C-alpha atoms as a PDB file:
ATOM      1  CA  UNK A   1       0.266 -35.737 -69.780  1.00  0.00           C
ATOM      2  CA  UNK A   2      -1.167 -35.039 -73.419  1.00  0.00           C
ATOM      3  CA  UNK A   3       2.364 -34.463 -75.052  1.00  0.00           C
ATOM      4  CA  UNK A   4       4.980 -37.475 -74.137  1.00  0.00           C
ATOM      5  CA  UNK A   5       3.163 -39.612 -71.221  1.00  0.00           C
ATOM      6  CA  UNK A   6       6.704 -40.243 -69.892  1.00  0.00           C
ATOM      7  CA  UNK A   7       7.904 -36.779 -70.020  1.00  0.00           C
ATOM      8  CA  UNK A   8       7.810 -34.475 -67.194  1.00  0.00           C
ATOM      9  CA  UNK A   9       8.666 -31.643 -66.146  1.00  0.00           C
ATOM     10  CA  UNK A  10       9.357 -31.143 -62.039  1.00  0.00           C
ATOM     11  CA  UNK A  11       8.612 -29.109 -59.924  1.00  0.00           C
ATOM     12  CA  UNK A  12      11.304 -26.123 -58.171  1.00  0.00           C
ATOM     13  CA  UNK A  13      10.308 -26.195 -53.913  1.00  0.00           C
ATOM     14  CA  UNK A  14       8.692 -23.085 -52.503  1.00  0.00           C
ATOM     15  CA  UNK A  15      11.873 -20.701 -52.468  1.00  0.00           C
ATOM     16  CA  UNK A  16       9.876 -17.762 -50.291  1.00  0.00           C
ATOM     17  CA  UNK A  17      12.268 -15.355 -52.292  1.00  0.00           C
ATOM     18  CA  UNK A  18       9.961 -12.446 -53.152  1.00  0.00           C
ATOM     19  CA  UNK A  19      13.008 -10.759 -56.322  1.00  0.00           C
ATOM     20  CA  UNK A  20      12.469  -7.551 -58.565  1.00  0.00           C
ATOM     21  CA  UNK A  21      14.719  -6.148 -61.124  1.00  0.00           C
ATOM     22  CA  UNK A  22      17.349  -3.536 -60.811  1.00  0.00           C
ATOM     23  CA  UNK A  23      17.834  -3.139 -64.011  1.00  0.00           C
ATOM     24  CA  UNK A  24      16.897   0.413 -66.082  1.00  0.00           C
ATOM     25  CA  UNK A  25      13.279   0.649 -67.746  1.00  0.00           C
ATOM     26  CA  UNK A  26      13.276  -0.899 -71.090  1.00  0.00           C
ATOM     27  CA  UNK A  27      10.934  -3.109 -73.369  1.00  0.00           C
ATOM     28  CA  UNK A  28      13.489  -5.344 -74.739  1.00  0.00           C
ATOM     29  CA  UNK A  29      12.858  -7.446 -78.174  1.00  0.00           C
ATOM     30  CA  UNK A  30      12.966 -10.878 -76.824  1.00  0.00           C
ATOM     31  CA  UNK A  31      13.126 -12.041 -80.871  1.00  0.00           C
ATOM     32  CA  UNK A  32      17.073  -9.987 -80.903  1.00  0.00           C
ATOM     33  CA  UNK A  33      19.173 -11.996 -83.084  1.00  0.00           C
ATOM     34  CA  UNK A  34      21.424 -12.940 -80.453  1.00  0.00           C
ATOM     35  CA  UNK A  35      21.634 -16.582 -81.643  1.00  0.00           C
ATOM     36  CA  UNK A  36      23.698 -14.617 -84.247  1.00  0.00           C
ATOM     37  CA  UNK A  37      26.265 -13.873 -81.847  1.00  0.00           C
ATOM     38  CA  UNK A  38      29.882 -15.394 -82.084  1.00  0.00           C
ATOM     39  CA  UNK A  39      29.991 -17.508 -78.704  1.00  0.00           C
ATOM     40  CA  UNK A  40      33.736 -18.414 -78.893  1.00  0.00           C
ATOM     41  CA  UNK A  41      34.844 -14.586 -78.397  1.00  0.00           C
ATOM     42  CA  UNK A  42      34.745 -13.064 -74.279  1.00  0.00           C
ATOM     43  CA  UNK A  43      33.631  -9.774 -75.365  1.00  0.00           C
ATOM     44  CA  UNK A  44      31.013 -10.413 -77.351  1.00  0.00           C
ATOM     45  CA  UNK A  45      29.746 -13.092 -74.727  1.00  0.00           C
ATOM     46  CA  UNK A  46      30.178  -9.568 -72.119  1.00  0.00           C
ATOM     47  CA  UNK A  47      28.127  -7.716 -74.559  1.00  0.00           C
ATOM     48  CA  UNK A  48      25.351 -10.444 -74.667  1.00  0.00           C
ATOM     49  CA  UNK A  49      25.317 -10.088 -70.617  1.00  0.00           C
ATOM     50  CA  UNK A  50      24.942  -6.122 -70.284  1.00  0.00           C
ATOM     51  CA  UNK A  51      22.693  -6.352 -73.403  1.00  0.00           C
ATOM     52  CA  UNK A  52      20.614  -9.554 -73.032  1.00  0.00           C
ATOM     53  CA  UNK A  53      20.878 -10.869 -69.304  1.00  0.00           C
ATOM     54  CA  UNK A  54      20.692  -7.253 -67.122  1.00  0.00           C
ATOM     55  CA  UNK A  55      18.103  -5.579 -69.184  1.00  0.00           C
ATOM     56  CA  UNK A  56      16.164  -8.289 -68.683  1.00  0.00           C
ATOM     57  CA  UNK A  57      15.779  -7.970 -65.157  1.00  0.00           C
ATOM     58  CA  UNK A  58      11.891  -6.798 -63.965  1.00  0.00           C
ATOM     59  CA  UNK A  59      10.751  -5.061 -61.358  1.00  0.00           C
ATOM     60  CA  UNK A  60       7.272  -6.005 -59.323  1.00  0.00           C
ATOM     61  CA  UNK A  61       5.804  -2.717 -60.813  1.00  0.00           C
ATOM     62  CA  UNK A  62       6.290  -3.732 -64.746  1.00  0.00           C
ATOM     63  CA  UNK A  63       5.256  -6.809 -64.204  1.00  0.00           C
ATOM     64  CA  UNK A  64       1.217  -4.959 -63.687  1.00  0.00           C
ATOM     65  CA  UNK A  65      -0.518  -7.596 -62.099  1.00  0.00           C
ATOM     66  CA  UNK A  66      -4.133  -7.276 -62.764  1.00  0.00           C
ATOM     67  CA  UNK A  67      -4.948 -10.263 -60.388  1.00  0.00           C
ATOM     68  CA  UNK A  68      -7.329 -10.367 -57.309  1.00  0.00           C
ATOM     69  CA  UNK A  69      -6.093 -13.383 -55.169  1.00  0.00           C
ATOM     70  CA  UNK A  70      -9.474 -12.345 -52.924  1.00  0.00           C
ATOM     71  CA  UNK A  71     -11.688 -12.693 -56.037  1.00  0.00           C
ATOM     72  CA  UNK A  72     -10.056 -15.707 -57.684  1.00  0.00           C
ATOM     73  CA  UNK A  73      -8.958 -13.227 -60.363  1.00  0.00           C
ATOM     74  CA  UNK A  74      -5.697 -14.780 -62.092  1.00  0.00           C
ATOM     75  CA  UNK A  75      -5.340 -10.985 -63.610  1.00  0.00           C
ATOM     76  CA  UNK A  76      -3.116 -10.061 -67.094  1.00  0.00           C
ATOM     77  CA  UNK A  77       0.920  -9.705 -66.160  1.00  0.00           C
ATOM     78  CA  UNK A  78       2.641  -6.612 -69.061  1.00  0.00           C
ATOM     79  CA  UNK A  79       3.772  -7.128 -72.326  1.00  0.00           C
ATOM     80  CA  UNK A  80       6.783  -5.895 -70.840  1.00  0.00           C
ATOM     81  CA  UNK A  81       7.098  -9.015 -68.595  1.00  0.00           C
ATOM     82  CA  UNK A  82       6.284 -11.515 -71.238  1.00  0.00           C
ATOM     83  CA  UNK A  83       9.102  -9.638 -73.046  1.00  0.00           C
ATOM     84  CA  UNK A  84      11.811  -9.798 -70.644  1.00  0.00           C
ATOM     85  CA  UNK A  85      10.921 -12.991 -69.198  1.00  0.00           C
ATOM     86  CA  UNK A  86      11.521 -14.682 -72.685  1.00  0.00           C
ATOM     87  CA  UNK A  87      14.447 -12.515 -73.285  1.00  0.00           C
ATOM     88  CA  UNK A  88      15.667 -14.372 -69.946  1.00  0.00           C
ATOM     89  CA  UNK A  89      14.900 -17.615 -71.021  1.00  0.00           C
ATOM     90  CA  UNK A  90      16.750 -17.071 -74.659  1.00  0.00           C
ATOM     91  CA  UNK A  91      19.922 -15.453 -72.862  1.00  0.00           C
ATOM     92  CA  UNK A  92      20.244 -18.695 -71.420  1.00  0.00           C
ATOM     93  CA  UNK A  93      19.819 -20.516 -74.097  1.00  0.00           C
ATOM     94  CA  UNK A  94      22.440 -18.449 -76.549  1.00  0.00           C
ATOM     95  CA  UNK A  95      25.175 -18.524 -74.637  1.00  0.00           C
ATOM     96  CA  UNK A  96      24.511 -22.523 -74.590  1.00  0.00           C
ATOM     97  CA  UNK A  97      24.136 -22.241 -78.589  1.00  0.00           C
ATOM     98  CA  UNK A  98      21.097 -23.152 -78.712  1.00  0.00           C
ATOM     99  CA  UNK A  99      18.290 -20.915 -80.797  1.00  0.00           C
ATOM    100  CA  UNK A 100      15.544 -18.927 -79.453  1.00  0.00           C
ATOM    101  CA  UNK A 101      12.475 -19.971 -78.283  1.00  0.00           C
ATOM    102  CA  UNK A 102       8.955 -17.940 -78.895  1.00  0.00           C
ATOM    103  CA  UNK A 103       6.243 -17.677 -76.882  1.00  0.00           C
ATOM    104  CA  UNK A 104       2.872 -19.505 -77.956  1.00  0.00           C
ATOM    105  CA  UNK A 105       0.261 -17.507 -76.409  1.00  0.00           C
ATOM    106  CA  UNK A 106      -2.363 -19.589 -76.647  1.00  0.00           C
ATOM    107  CA  UNK A 107      -0.673 -21.106 -72.710  1.00  0.00           C
ATOM    108  CA  UNK A 108      -0.491 -18.240 -71.377  1.00  0.00           C
ATOM    109  CA  UNK A 109      -4.229 -18.244 -69.802  1.00  0.00           C
ATOM    110  CA  UNK A 110      -4.019 -21.576 -68.187  1.00  0.00           C
ATOM    111  CA  UNK A 111      -0.109 -20.747 -67.139  1.00  0.00           C
ATOM    112  CA  UNK A 112      -1.830 -17.543 -65.270  1.00  0.00           C
ATOM    113  CA  UNK A 113      -4.536 -19.307 -63.565  1.00  0.00           C
ATOM    114  CA  UNK A 114      -1.921 -22.485 -62.597  1.00  0.00           C
ATOM    115  CA  UNK A 115       0.176 -19.388 -61.051  1.00  0.00           C
ATOM    116  CA  UNK A 116      -3.158 -17.711 -59.514  1.00  0.00           C
ATOM    117  CA  UNK A 117      -3.451 -20.626 -57.473  1.00  0.00           C
ATOM    118  CA  UNK A 118       0.231 -21.049 -56.335  1.00  0.00           C
ATOM    119  CA  UNK A 119       0.146 -17.846 -55.138  1.00  0.00           C
ATOM    120  CA  UNK A 120      -3.527 -17.925 -53.350  1.00  0.00           C
ATOM    121  CA  UNK A 121      -2.314 -21.063 -51.575  1.00  0.00           C
ATOM    122  CA  UNK A 122       1.300 -20.135 -50.506  1.00  0.00           C
ATOM    123  CA  UNK A 123       2.479 -23.516 -52.710  1.00  0.00           C
ATOM    124  CA  UNK A 124       3.151 -25.270 -56.070  1.00  0.00           C
ATOM    125  CA  UNK A 125       1.796 -28.404 -57.636  1.00  0.00           C
ATOM    126  CA  UNK A 126       1.469 -30.342 -60.314  1.00  0.00           C
ATOM    127  CA  UNK A 127      -1.310 -31.505 -59.649  1.00  0.00           C
ATOM    128  CA  UNK A 128      -3.544 -29.171 -57.783  1.00  0.00           C
ATOM    129  CA  UNK A 129      -6.318 -30.729 -55.574  1.00  0.00           C
ATOM    130  CA  UNK A 130      -9.854 -28.985 -56.339  1.00  0.00           C
ATOM    131  CA  UNK A 131      -9.793 -28.271 -52.687  1.00  0.00           C
ATOM    132  CA  UNK A 132      -7.364 -25.504 -53.341  1.00  0.00           C
ATOM    133  CA  UNK A 133      -8.302 -22.020 -53.262  1.00  0.00           C
ATOM    134  CA  UNK A 134      -8.875 -20.248 -56.708  1.00  0.00           C
ATOM    135  CA  UNK A 135      -9.216 -24.285 -58.248  1.00  0.00           C
ATOM    136  CA  UNK A 136      -9.861 -23.989 -62.318  1.00  0.00           C
ATOM    137  CA  UNK A 137      -9.712 -27.633 -63.242  1.00  0.00           C
ATOM    138  CA  UNK A 138      -8.564 -27.128 -66.944  1.00  0.00           C
ATOM    139  CA  UNK A 139      -5.201 -25.235 -65.341  1.00  0.00           C
ATOM    140  CA  UNK A 140      -5.057 -27.858 -63.044  1.00  0.00           C
ATOM    141  CA  UNK A 141      -4.738 -30.098 -65.912  1.00  0.00           C
ATOM    142  CA  UNK A 142      -1.675 -28.785 -67.783  1.00  0.00           C
ATOM    143  CA  UNK A 143       1.003 -28.799 -64.541  1.00  0.00           C
ATOM    144  CA  UNK A 144       2.233 -31.700 -65.276  1.00  0.00           C
ATOM    145  CA  UNK A 145       3.357 -29.900 -69.182  1.00  0.00           C
ATOM    146  CA  UNK A 146       5.006 -27.015 -66.510  1.00  0.00           C
ATOM    147  CA  UNK A 147       7.778 -26.013 -64.657  1.00  0.00           C
ATOM    148  CA  UNK A 148       6.086 -24.619 -61.419  1.00  0.00           C
ATOM    149  CA  UNK A 149       7.368 -22.731 -58.473  1.00  0.00           C
ATOM    150  CA  UNK A 150       6.059 -20.676 -55.653  1.00  0.00           C
ATOM    151  CA  UNK A 151       8.261 -17.494 -54.326  1.00  0.00           C
ATOM    152  CA  UNK A 152       9.212 -15.488 -57.748  1.00  0.00           C
ATOM    153  CA  UNK A 153       8.231 -13.757 -60.966  1.00  0.00           C
ATOM    154  CA  UNK A 154       9.072 -13.198 -64.026  1.00  0.00           C
ATOM    155  CA  UNK A 155      12.852 -14.044 -65.252  1.00  0.00           C
ATOM    156  CA  UNK A 156      13.534 -14.803 -61.914  1.00  0.00           C
ATOM    157  CA  UNK A 157      11.433 -17.652 -61.783  1.00  0.00           C
ATOM    158  CA  UNK A 158      13.299 -18.959 -64.982  1.00  0.00           C
ATOM    159  CA  UNK A 159      16.914 -18.479 -62.829  1.00  0.00           C
ATOM    160  CA  UNK A 160      15.909 -20.814 -60.110  1.00  0.00           C
ATOM    161  CA  UNK A 161      14.470 -23.827 -62.206  1.00  0.00           C
ATOM    162  CA  UNK A 162      18.669 -23.031 -63.777  1.00  0.00           C
ATOM    163  CA  UNK A 163      19.782 -22.911 -60.275  1.00  0.00           C
ATOM    164  CA  UNK A 164      18.323 -26.818 -59.322  1.00  0.00           C
ATOM    165  CA  UNK A 165      18.970 -26.145 -55.643  1.00  0.00           C
ATOM    166  CA  UNK A 166      18.115 -29.156 -53.359  1.00  0.00           C
ATOM    167  CA  UNK A 167      18.767 -32.304 -53.203  1.00  0.00           C
ATOM    168  CA  UNK A 168      14.776 -33.186 -55.419  1.00  0.00           C
ATOM    169  CA  UNK A 169      16.150 -31.111 -58.206  1.00  0.00           C
ATOM    170  CA  UNK A 170      19.842 -32.764 -58.671  1.00  0.00           C
ATOM    171  CA  UNK A 171      18.391 -34.418 -62.473  1.00  0.00           C
ATOM    172  CA  UNK A 172      18.009 -30.785 -63.164  1.00  0.00           C
ATOM    173  CA  UNK A 173      14.901 -30.972 -65.132  1.00  0.00           C
ATOM    174  CA  UNK A 174      13.914 -28.139 -65.233  1.00  0.00           C
ATOM    175  CA  UNK A 175      17.492 -26.275 -66.688  1.00  0.00           C
ATOM    176  CA  UNK A 176      17.150 -29.215 -69.263  1.00  0.00           C
ATOM    177  CA  UNK A 177      13.527 -28.112 -70.596  1.00  0.00           C
ATOM    178  CA  UNK A 178      14.701 -24.320 -71.111  1.00  0.00           C
ATOM    179  CA  UNK A 179      18.106 -26.006 -72.612  1.00  0.00           C
ATOM    180  CA  UNK A 180      16.202 -28.704 -74.936  1.00  0.00           C
ATOM    181  CA  UNK A 181      17.779 -28.679 -78.075  1.00  0.00           C
ATOM    182  CA  UNK A 182      14.413 -28.695 -80.045  1.00  0.00           C
ATOM    183  CA  UNK A 183      12.245 -26.858 -78.144  1.00  0.00           C
ATOM    184  CA  UNK A 184       9.931 -24.405 -80.053  1.00  0.00           C
ATOM    185  CA  UNK A 185       7.795 -22.611 -77.909  1.00  0.00           C
ATOM    186  CA  UNK A 186       6.474 -22.349 -74.467  1.00  0.00           C
ATOM    187  CA  UNK A 187       3.455 -20.939 -72.610  1.00  0.00           C
ATOM    188  CA  UNK A 188       3.938 -18.934 -69.082  1.00  0.00           C
ATOM    189  CA  UNK A 189       1.810 -17.078 -66.470  1.00  0.00           C
ATOM    190  CA  UNK A 190       2.919 -15.562 -63.295  1.00  0.00           C
ATOM    191  CA  UNK A 191       1.594 -13.374 -60.562  1.00  0.00           C
ATOM    192  CA  UNK A 192       3.960 -12.027 -57.558  1.00  0.00           C
ATOM    193  CA  UNK A 193       4.517 -15.317 -55.881  1.00  0.00           C
ATOM    194  CA  UNK A 194       3.570 -17.536 -58.352  1.00  0.00           C
ATOM    195  CA  UNK A 195       5.407 -19.013 -61.988  1.00  0.00           C
ATOM    196  CA  UNK A 196       4.228 -21.917 -64.765  1.00  0.00           C
ATOM    197  CA  UNK A 197       6.544 -22.928 -67.589  1.00  0.00           C
ATOM    198  CA  UNK A 198       4.742 -24.466 -70.449  1.00  0.00           C
ATOM    199  CA  UNK A 199       7.677 -26.414 -71.399  1.00  0.00           C
ATOM    200  CA  UNK A 200       6.386 -30.080 -73.003  1.00  0.00           C
ATOM    201  CA  UNK A 201       4.583 -29.218 -76.586  1.00  0.00           C
ATOM    202  CA  UNK A 202       5.973 -28.096 -79.408  1.00  0.00           C
ATOM    203  CA  UNK A 203       9.629 -29.339 -80.877  1.00  0.00           C
ATOM    204  CA  UNK A 204      11.641 -29.088 -83.781  1.00  0.00           C
ATOM    205  CA  UNK A 205      13.782 -32.070 -85.461  1.00  0.00           C
ATOM    206  CA  UNK A 206      15.975 -29.204 -86.586  1.00  0.00           C
ATOM    207  CA  UNK A 207      19.747 -27.994 -84.453  1.00  0.00           C
ATOM    208  CA  UNK A 208      21.292 -25.530 -85.224  1.00  0.00           C
ATOM    209  CA  UNK A 209      24.314 -25.992 -88.069  1.00  0.00           C
ATOM    210  CA  UNK A 210      26.718 -24.910 -85.947  1.00  0.00           C
ATOM    211  CA  UNK A 211      25.335 -27.306 -83.252  1.00  0.00           C
ATOM    212  CA  UNK A 212      28.749 -29.568 -80.940  1.00  0.00           C
ATOM    213  CA  UNK A 213      26.310 -32.268 -80.640  1.00  0.00           C
ATOM    214  CA  UNK A 214      25.860 -31.206 -77.209  1.00  0.00           C
ATOM    215  CA  UNK A 215      24.860 -28.491 -74.559  1.00  0.00           C
ATOM    216  CA  UNK A 216      27.282 -27.815 -71.376  1.00  0.00           C
ATOM    217  CA  UNK A 217      26.052 -25.888 -68.584  1.00  0.00           C
ATOM    218  CA  UNK A 218      27.796 -23.703 -67.660  1.00  0.00           C
ATOM    219  CA  UNK A 219      28.703 -23.071 -71.272  1.00  0.00           C
ATOM    220  CA  UNK A 220      32.125 -21.520 -72.794  1.00  0.00           C
ATOM    221  CA  UNK A 221      31.885 -18.402 -71.217  1.00  0.00           C
ATOM    222  CA  UNK A 222      29.740 -17.197 -68.516  1.00  0.00           C
ATOM    223  CA  UNK A 223      29.868 -14.378 -66.016  1.00  0.00           C
ATOM    224  CA  UNK A 224      30.156 -15.319 -62.316  1.00  0.00           C
ATOM    225  CA  UNK A 225      26.622 -15.129 -60.733  1.00  0.00           C
ATOM    226  CA  UNK A 226      25.566 -17.454 -63.469  1.00  0.00           C
ATOM    227  CA  UNK A 227      27.620 -20.294 -62.150  1.00  0.00           C
ATOM    228  CA  UNK A 228      25.522 -22.738 -60.221  1.00  0.00           C
ATOM    229  CA  UNK A 229      26.677 -25.897 -58.105  1.00  0.00           C
ATOM    230  CA  UNK A 230      25.205 -28.147 -60.502  1.00  0.00           C
ATOM    231  CA  UNK A 231      27.179 -28.598 -63.588  1.00  0.00           C
ATOM    232  CA  UNK A 232      25.689 -30.907 -66.322  1.00  0.00           C
ATOM    233  CA  UNK A 233      26.163 -32.057 -69.799  1.00  0.00           C
ATOM    234  CA  UNK A 234      23.476 -33.071 -72.346  1.00  0.00           C
ATOM    235  CA  UNK A 235      23.478 -34.813 -76.194  1.00  0.00           C
ATOM    236  CA  UNK A 236      21.773 -33.485 -78.316  1.00  0.00           C
ATOM    237  CA  UNK A 237      22.663 -35.527 -81.855  1.00  0.00           C
ATOM    238  CA  UNK A 238      20.963 -38.647 -80.288  1.00  0.00           C
ATOM    239  CA  UNK A 239      18.867 -40.916 -82.672  1.00  0.00           C
ATOM    240  CA  UNK A 240      15.708 -40.146 -80.095  1.00  0.00           C
ATOM    241  CA  UNK A 241      16.265 -37.178 -78.075  1.00  0.00           C
ATOM    242  CA  UNK A 242      14.885 -39.217 -74.868  1.00  0.00           C
ATOM    243  CA  UNK A 243      16.983 -41.943 -76.035  1.00  0.00           C
ATOM    244  CA  UNK A 244      20.023 -43.155 -77.014  1.00  0.00           C
ATOM    245  CA  UNK A 245      22.514 -41.919 -74.915  1.00  0.00           C
ATOM    246  CA  UNK A 246      24.128 -44.052 -71.920  1.00  0.00           C
ATOM    247  CA  UNK A 247      26.025 -42.272 -69.195  1.00  0.00           C
ATOM    248  CA  UNK A 248      26.199 -45.429 -67.424  1.00  0.00           C
ATOM    249  CA  UNK A 249      30.338 -45.945 -67.772  1.00  0.00           C
ATOM    250  CA  UNK A 250      31.469 -42.580 -68.560  1.00  0.00           C
ATOM    251  CA  UNK A 251      34.152 -40.869 -66.641  1.00  0.00           C
ATOM    252  CA  UNK A 252      34.592 -37.269 -66.076  1.00  0.00           C
ATOM    253  CA  UNK A 253      37.457 -35.185 -64.818  1.00  0.00           C
ATOM    254  CA  UNK A 254      37.962 -30.878 -64.715  1.00  0.00           C
ATOM    255  CA  UNK A 255      41.066 -29.325 -64.403  1.00  0.00           C
ATOM    256  CA  UNK A 256      42.369 -25.450 -63.562  1.00  0.00           C
ATOM    257  CA  UNK A 257      43.795 -23.612 -66.041  1.00  0.00           C
ATOM    258  CA  UNK A 258      47.108 -24.249 -63.570  1.00  0.00           C
ATOM    259  CA  UNK A 259      46.387 -28.333 -64.533  1.00  0.00           C
ATOM    260  CA  UNK A 260      45.574 -28.901 -61.021  1.00  0.00           C
ATOM    261  CA  UNK A 261      42.706 -31.468 -60.902  1.00  0.00           C
ATOM    262  CA  UNK A 262      38.714 -30.226 -59.599  1.00  0.00           C
ATOM    263  CA  UNK A 263      37.429 -32.971 -57.439  1.00  0.00           C
ATOM    264  CA  UNK A 264      33.852 -33.788 -58.400  1.00  0.00           C
ATOM    265  CA  UNK A 265      30.990 -36.261 -57.784  1.00  0.00           C
ATOM    266  CA  UNK A 266      28.764 -37.452 -60.313  1.00  0.00           C
ATOM    267  CA  UNK A 267      25.240 -36.982 -58.567  1.00  0.00           C
ATOM    268  CA  UNK A 268      23.111 -38.242 -61.807  1.00  0.00           C
ATOM    269  CA  UNK A 269      23.378 -40.334 -65.276  1.00  0.00           C
ATOM    270  CA  UNK A 270      21.455 -41.157 -68.237  1.00  0.00           C
ATOM    271  CA  UNK A 271      17.760 -40.345 -67.249  1.00  0.00           C
ATOM    272  CA  UNK A 272      15.353 -41.046 -69.978  1.00  0.00           C
ATOM    273  CA  UNK A 273      12.279 -39.353 -70.650  1.00  0.00           C
ATOM    274  CA  UNK A 274      13.041 -35.588 -69.877  1.00  0.00           C
ATOM    275  CA  UNK A 275      14.190 -33.577 -72.431  1.00  0.00           C
ATOM    276  CA  UNK A 276      17.547 -34.151 -74.001  1.00  0.00           C
ATOM    277  CA  UNK A 277      19.216 -36.755 -72.003  1.00  0.00           C
ATOM    278  CA  UNK A 278      21.917 -35.103 -69.224  1.00  0.00           C
ATOM    279  CA  UNK A 279      24.680 -36.132 -66.656  1.00  0.00           C
ATOM    280  CA  UNK A 280      24.896 -34.199 -64.118  1.00  0.00           C
ATOM    281  CA  UNK A 281      27.863 -33.668 -61.247  1.00  0.00           C
ATOM    282  CA  UNK A 282      28.657 -31.089 -58.429  1.00  0.00           C
ATOM    283  CA  UNK A 283      32.611 -29.432 -59.067  1.00  0.00           C
ATOM    284  CA  UNK A 284      34.506 -28.430 -55.516  1.00  0.00           C
ATOM    285  CA  UNK A 285      36.003 -25.073 -54.869  1.00  0.00           C
ATOM    286  CA  UNK A 286      34.942 -23.144 -57.851  1.00  0.00           C
ATOM    287  CA  UNK A 287      36.092 -19.783 -58.155  1.00  0.00           C
ATOM    288  CA  UNK A 288      33.419 -17.698 -58.517  1.00  0.00           C
ATOM    289  CA  UNK A 289      35.173 -14.590 -57.255  1.00  0.00           C
ATOM    290  CA  UNK A 290      38.231 -14.015 -58.836  1.00  0.00           C
ATOM    291  CA  UNK A 291      39.066 -10.436 -60.116  1.00  0.00           C
ATOM    292  CA  UNK A 292      40.097 -11.762 -63.556  1.00  0.00           C
ATOM    293  CA  UNK A 293      38.851 -14.654 -65.606  1.00  0.00           C
ATOM    294  CA  UNK A 294      38.931 -18.460 -64.354  1.00  0.00           C
ATOM    295  CA  UNK A 295      39.498 -21.445 -67.193  1.00  0.00           C
ATOM    296  CA  UNK A 296      38.643 -24.974 -66.670  1.00  0.00           C
ATOM    297  CA  UNK A 297      38.613 -26.997 -68.125  1.00  0.00           C
ATOM    298  CA  UNK A 298      36.276 -30.262 -68.879  1.00  0.00           C
ATOM    299  CA  UNK A 299      36.288 -33.716 -70.231  1.00  0.00           C
ATOM    300  CA  UNK A 300      33.784 -36.681 -70.141  1.00  0.00           C
ATOM    301  CA  UNK A 301      35.017 -40.129 -71.783  1.00  0.00           C
ATOM    302  CA  UNK A 302      33.004 -43.075 -72.357  1.00  0.00           C
ATOM    303  CA  UNK A 303      29.656 -41.529 -72.995  1.00  0.00           C
ATOM    304  CA  UNK A 304      27.562 -44.053 -75.447  1.00  0.00           C
ATOM    305  CA  UNK A 305      25.840 -42.189 -78.217  1.00  0.00           C
ATOM    306  CA  UNK A 306      23.601 -44.131 -80.441  1.00  0.00           C
ATOM    307  CA  UNK A 307      25.786 -47.599 -79.637  1.00  0.00           C
ATOM    308  CA  UNK A 308      29.051 -45.433 -80.410  1.00  0.00           C
ATOM    309  CA  UNK A 309      31.580 -44.462 -77.894  1.00  0.00           C
ATOM    310  CA  UNK A 310      32.752 -40.940 -77.797  1.00  0.00           C
ATOM    311  CA  UNK A 311      34.865 -38.789 -75.901  1.00  0.00           C
ATOM    312  CA  UNK A 312      33.996 -34.327 -75.511  1.00  0.00           C
ATOM    313  CA  UNK A 313      36.316 -31.644 -73.888  1.00  0.00           C
ATOM    314  CA  UNK A 314      35.747 -28.415 -73.892  1.00  0.00           C
ATOM    315  CA  UNK A 315      36.524 -24.883 -72.046  1.00  0.00           C
ATOM    316  CA  UNK A 316      34.828 -23.049 -69.144  1.00  0.00           C
ATOM    317  CA  UNK A 317      35.841 -19.404 -68.840  1.00  0.00           C
ATOM    318  CA  UNK A 318      34.106 -18.046 -65.512  1.00  0.00           C
ATOM    319  CA  UNK A 319      34.731 -13.733 -66.118  1.00  0.00           C
ATOM    320  CA  UNK A 320      33.581 -10.641 -64.218  1.00  0.00           C
ATOM    321  CA  UNK A 321      30.907  -8.674 -65.770  1.00  0.00           C
END
């Protein structure tokens, strides 16, 4: 680790899912001013989903990967692929009240070579061994600084990291890096089956003036298809982004619009060293197929932030696009 030796992105187990986008063949502007959206407005949230999320879908033909596994050529991907992948990242950041990030193109080449290694060996690793096909020492050296996966490409790899499936991803570390409040720029590489997102590097000390001091996922408004099993809450205004928050005694409660309690299980509490400090839980019986909006109220009590006990309360509205 070259940046924070205690900060690492963890891996995403193989999904063996090849996906392709079904949206229009549109090259989006990844820096479109989505951060200016009014996230307290349902209509704006729906518009954001239609114009930013759906339009960031990417097909295999749009990926335009020029590489070759047999010759260990990592190749390149299209500018459309970069644009749509970044737009997908910034969609998730925007709905959570975070500023957009940019690409750092100097990190793309090693990420591309890392993705090639995953594809050539049908698996991922943060520390690829030199015995691997298409091994590249420089690329292998950045594996600890990346979210990595095998089985998806482009924007769909971002979704898989946000889902955090499997017991090994209970700390939602991939999601935490994508939604890191102080992130500035990322690097990326992908083939039709391997992906690597360079996510540990440059940071900003600045938070949006409108920041409520936390990042919740799912956020205030969320389409049904993007509600995942694991819910998370990160504190962003601690004295240090990897310390200053203690969830050891935190209690979480959820109620539906009728005031009924929602059963939940807290699966992870304070974990220093992976972006913003985060608590993770799994609620039961969440309605994600209703014909109308479903609203849940979330309360967190006894969160210790910079030595002060705080309580938080917010609503999550799940809507059908």
